[in-house]
Amino acid sequence: MADEQVEALDERAVAEDLLTKAGEPNRSELLRIMIEYAKENMPDGWRPDGWAYIG
């Protein structure tokens, strides 16, 4: 994950008041929530525009 992506997740975690006991952005909790939302709402096979598998 690029530094810019990590920073964006941290900013969103702070904006959504997802903080650790130490007051740090709780990125892992934000990702858990985002994955649960995606599992419930994304149709099978959906990919963002321009997405390509790099494996």
N, C-alpha and C. Protein backbone atom coordinates (compact mmCIF):
# COMPACT_ATOMS: atom_id res chain seq x y z
N MET A 1 0.86 -1.16 0.00
CA MET A 1 0.00 0.00 0.00
C MET A 1 0.91 1.23 0.00
N ALA A 2 0.61 2.18 -0.85
CA ALA A 2 1.40 3.39 -0.95
C ALA A 2 1.19 4.29 0.27
N ASP A 3 2.19 5.10 0.57
CA ASP A 3 2.10 6.02 1.71
C ASP A 3 0.86 6.90 1.62
N GLU A 4 0.51 7.33 0.41
CA GLU A 4 -0.66 8.20 0.23
C GLU A 4 -1.95 7.46 0.61
N GLN A 5 -2.02 6.17 0.30
CA GLN A 5 -3.19 5.38 0.64
C GLN A 5 -3.31 5.19 2.15
N VAL A 6 -2.18 4.94 2.80
CA VAL A 6 -2.17 4.79 4.26
C VAL A 6 -2.61 6.10 4.91
N GLU A 7 -2.08 7.21 4.41
CA GLU A 7 -2.45 8.52 4.95
C GLU A 7 -3.94 8.79 4.78
N ALA A 8 -4.49 8.43 3.62
CA ALA A 8 -5.92 8.64 3.38
C ALA A 8 -6.76 7.80 4.34
N LEU A 9 -6.34 6.56 4.61
CA LEU A 9 -7.06 5.72 5.56
C LEU A 9 -6.99 6.31 6.96
N ASP A 10 -5.82 6.80 7.35
CA ASP A 10 -5.67 7.42 8.66
C ASP A 10 -6.59 8.64 8.79
N GLU A 11 -6.63 9.46 7.76
CA GLU A 11 -7.49 10.65 7.79
C GLU A 11 -8.96 10.27 7.92
N ARG A 12 -9.36 9.23 7.19
CA ARG A 12 -10.75 8.80 7.27
C ARG A 12 -11.07 8.21 8.64
N ALA A 13 -10.14 7.44 9.20
CA ALA A 13 -10.35 6.87 10.53
C ALA A 13 -10.53 7.98 11.56
N VAL A 14 -9.73 9.02 11.47
CA VAL A 14 -9.86 10.15 12.39
C VAL A 14 -11.20 10.84 12.18
N ALA A 15 -11.58 11.06 10.92
CA ALA A 15 -12.85 11.73 10.61
C ALA A 15 -14.04 10.93 11.14
N GLU A 16 -13.91 9.61 11.16
CA GLU A 16 -15.01 8.75 11.63
C GLU A 16 -14.85 8.39 13.12
N ASP A 17 -13.91 9.06 13.79
CA ASP A 17 -13.67 8.87 15.21
C ASP A 17 -13.31 7.43 15.56
N LEU A 18 -12.54 6.79 14.69
CA LEU A 18 -12.05 5.44 14.93
C LEU A 18 -10.61 5.56 15.40
N LEU A 19 -10.44 5.65 16.71
CA LEU A 19 -9.13 5.87 17.30
C LEU A 19 -8.80 4.76 18.28
N THR A 20 -7.51 4.49 18.42
CA THR A 20 -7.07 3.53 19.42
C THR A 20 -7.13 4.19 20.80
N LYS A 21 -6.90 3.41 21.83
CA LYS A 21 -6.87 3.97 23.18
C LYS A 21 -5.78 5.03 23.32
N ALA A 22 -4.73 4.89 22.51
CA ALA A 22 -3.62 5.85 22.53
C ALA A 22 -3.93 7.09 21.69
N GLY A 23 -5.09 7.10 21.02
CA GLY A 23 -5.48 8.25 20.22
C GLY A 23 -5.00 8.22 18.79
N GLU A 24 -4.42 7.09 18.37
CA GLU A 24 -3.95 6.94 16.99
C GLU A 24 -5.10 6.49 16.09
N PRO A 25 -5.04 6.82 14.79
CA PRO A 25 -6.07 6.34 13.86
C PRO A 25 -6.11 4.81 13.86
N ASN A 26 -7.30 4.25 13.99
CA ASN A 26 -7.45 2.79 14.01
C ASN A 26 -7.78 2.32 12.59
N ARG A 27 -6.73 2.25 11.79
CA ARG A 27 -6.84 1.87 10.38
C ARG A 27 -7.40 0.46 10.23
N SER A 28 -7.00 -0.46 11.08
CA SER A 28 -7.47 -1.84 10.95
C SER A 28 -8.98 -1.94 11.19
N GLU A 29 -9.50 -1.17 12.14
CA GLU A 29 -10.95 -1.18 12.38
C GLU A 29 -11.69 -0.58 11.19
N LEU A 30 -11.16 0.48 10.62
CA LEU A 30 -11.77 1.08 9.44
C LEU A 30 -11.80 0.08 8.29
N LEU A 31 -10.71 -0.62 8.06
CA LEU A 31 -10.68 -1.61 6.98
C LEU A 31 -11.66 -2.75 7.25
N ARG A 32 -11.77 -3.19 8.51
CA ARG A 32 -12.74 -4.24 8.84
C ARG A 32 -14.16 -3.80 8.49
N ILE A 33 -14.49 -2.55 8.83
CA ILE A 33 -15.81 -2.01 8.52
C ILE A 33 -16.02 -1.92 7.01
N MET A 34 -15.01 -1.46 6.30
CA MET A 34 -15.12 -1.32 4.84
C MET A 34 -15.29 -2.69 4.16
N ILE A 35 -14.59 -3.70 4.66
CA ILE A 35 -14.71 -5.04 4.08
C ILE A 35 -16.10 -5.61 4.35
N GLU A 36 -16.62 -5.42 5.55
CA GLU A 36 -17.97 -5.90 5.86
C GLU A 36 -19.00 -5.22 4.95
N TYR A 37 -18.85 -3.92 4.76
CA TYR A 37 -19.77 -3.19 3.88
C TYR A 37 -19.69 -3.75 2.46
N ALA A 38 -18.48 -3.97 1.99
CA ALA A 38 -18.30 -4.49 0.63
C ALA A 38 -18.91 -5.88 0.48
N LYS A 39 -18.73 -6.74 1.49
CA LYS A 39 -19.30 -8.08 1.42
C LYS A 39 -20.83 -8.04 1.33
N GLU A 40 -21.43 -7.06 1.99
CA GLU A 40 -22.89 -6.96 2.00
C GLU A 40 -23.47 -6.24 0.78
N ASN A 41 -22.68 -5.38 0.14
CA ASN A 41 -23.26 -4.49 -0.87
C ASN A 41 -22.68 -4.59 -2.28
N MET A 42 -21.52 -5.17 -2.45
CA MET A 42 -20.92 -5.24 -3.79
C MET A 42 -21.38 -6.48 -4.52
N PRO A 43 -21.80 -6.33 -5.76
CA PRO A 43 -22.18 -7.52 -6.54
C PRO A 43 -20.94 -8.36 -6.86
N ASP A 44 -21.14 -9.66 -7.01
CA ASP A 44 -20.03 -10.55 -7.38
C ASP A 44 -19.39 -10.07 -8.67
N GLY A 45 -18.08 -10.11 -8.70
CA GLY A 45 -17.34 -9.75 -9.91
C GLY A 45 -17.12 -8.26 -10.11
N TRP A 46 -17.64 -7.41 -9.22
CA TRP A 46 -17.47 -5.98 -9.39
C TRP A 46 -16.02 -5.59 -9.21
N ARG A 47 -15.54 -4.69 -10.05
CA ARG A 47 -14.20 -4.12 -9.93
C ARG A 47 -14.29 -2.64 -10.28
N PRO A 48 -13.45 -1.80 -9.67
CA PRO A 48 -13.46 -0.37 -10.02
C PRO A 48 -12.99 -0.17 -11.46
N ASP A 49 -13.43 0.91 -12.07
CA ASP A 49 -13.00 1.23 -13.43
C ASP A 49 -11.48 1.30 -13.46
N GLY A 50 -10.91 0.69 -14.49
CA GLY A 50 -9.46 0.73 -14.66
C GLY A 50 -8.70 -0.26 -13.82
N TRP A 51 -9.40 -1.09 -13.04
CA TRP A 51 -8.74 -2.06 -12.18
C TRP A 51 -8.11 -3.17 -13.02
N ALA A 52 -6.92 -3.58 -12.65
CA ALA A 52 -6.27 -4.71 -13.31
C ALA A 52 -5.56 -5.54 -12.26
N TYR A 53 -5.68 -6.85 -12.38
CA TYR A 53 -5.01 -7.76 -11.45
C TYR A 53 -3.52 -7.76 -11.73
N ILE A 54 -2.73 -7.52 -10.69
CA ILE A 54 -1.27 -7.57 -10.83
C ILE A 54 -0.77 -8.62 -9.86
N GLY A 55 -0.60 -9.82 -10.35
CA GLY A 55 -0.26 -10.93 -9.46
C GLY A 55 1.02 -11.53 -9.70
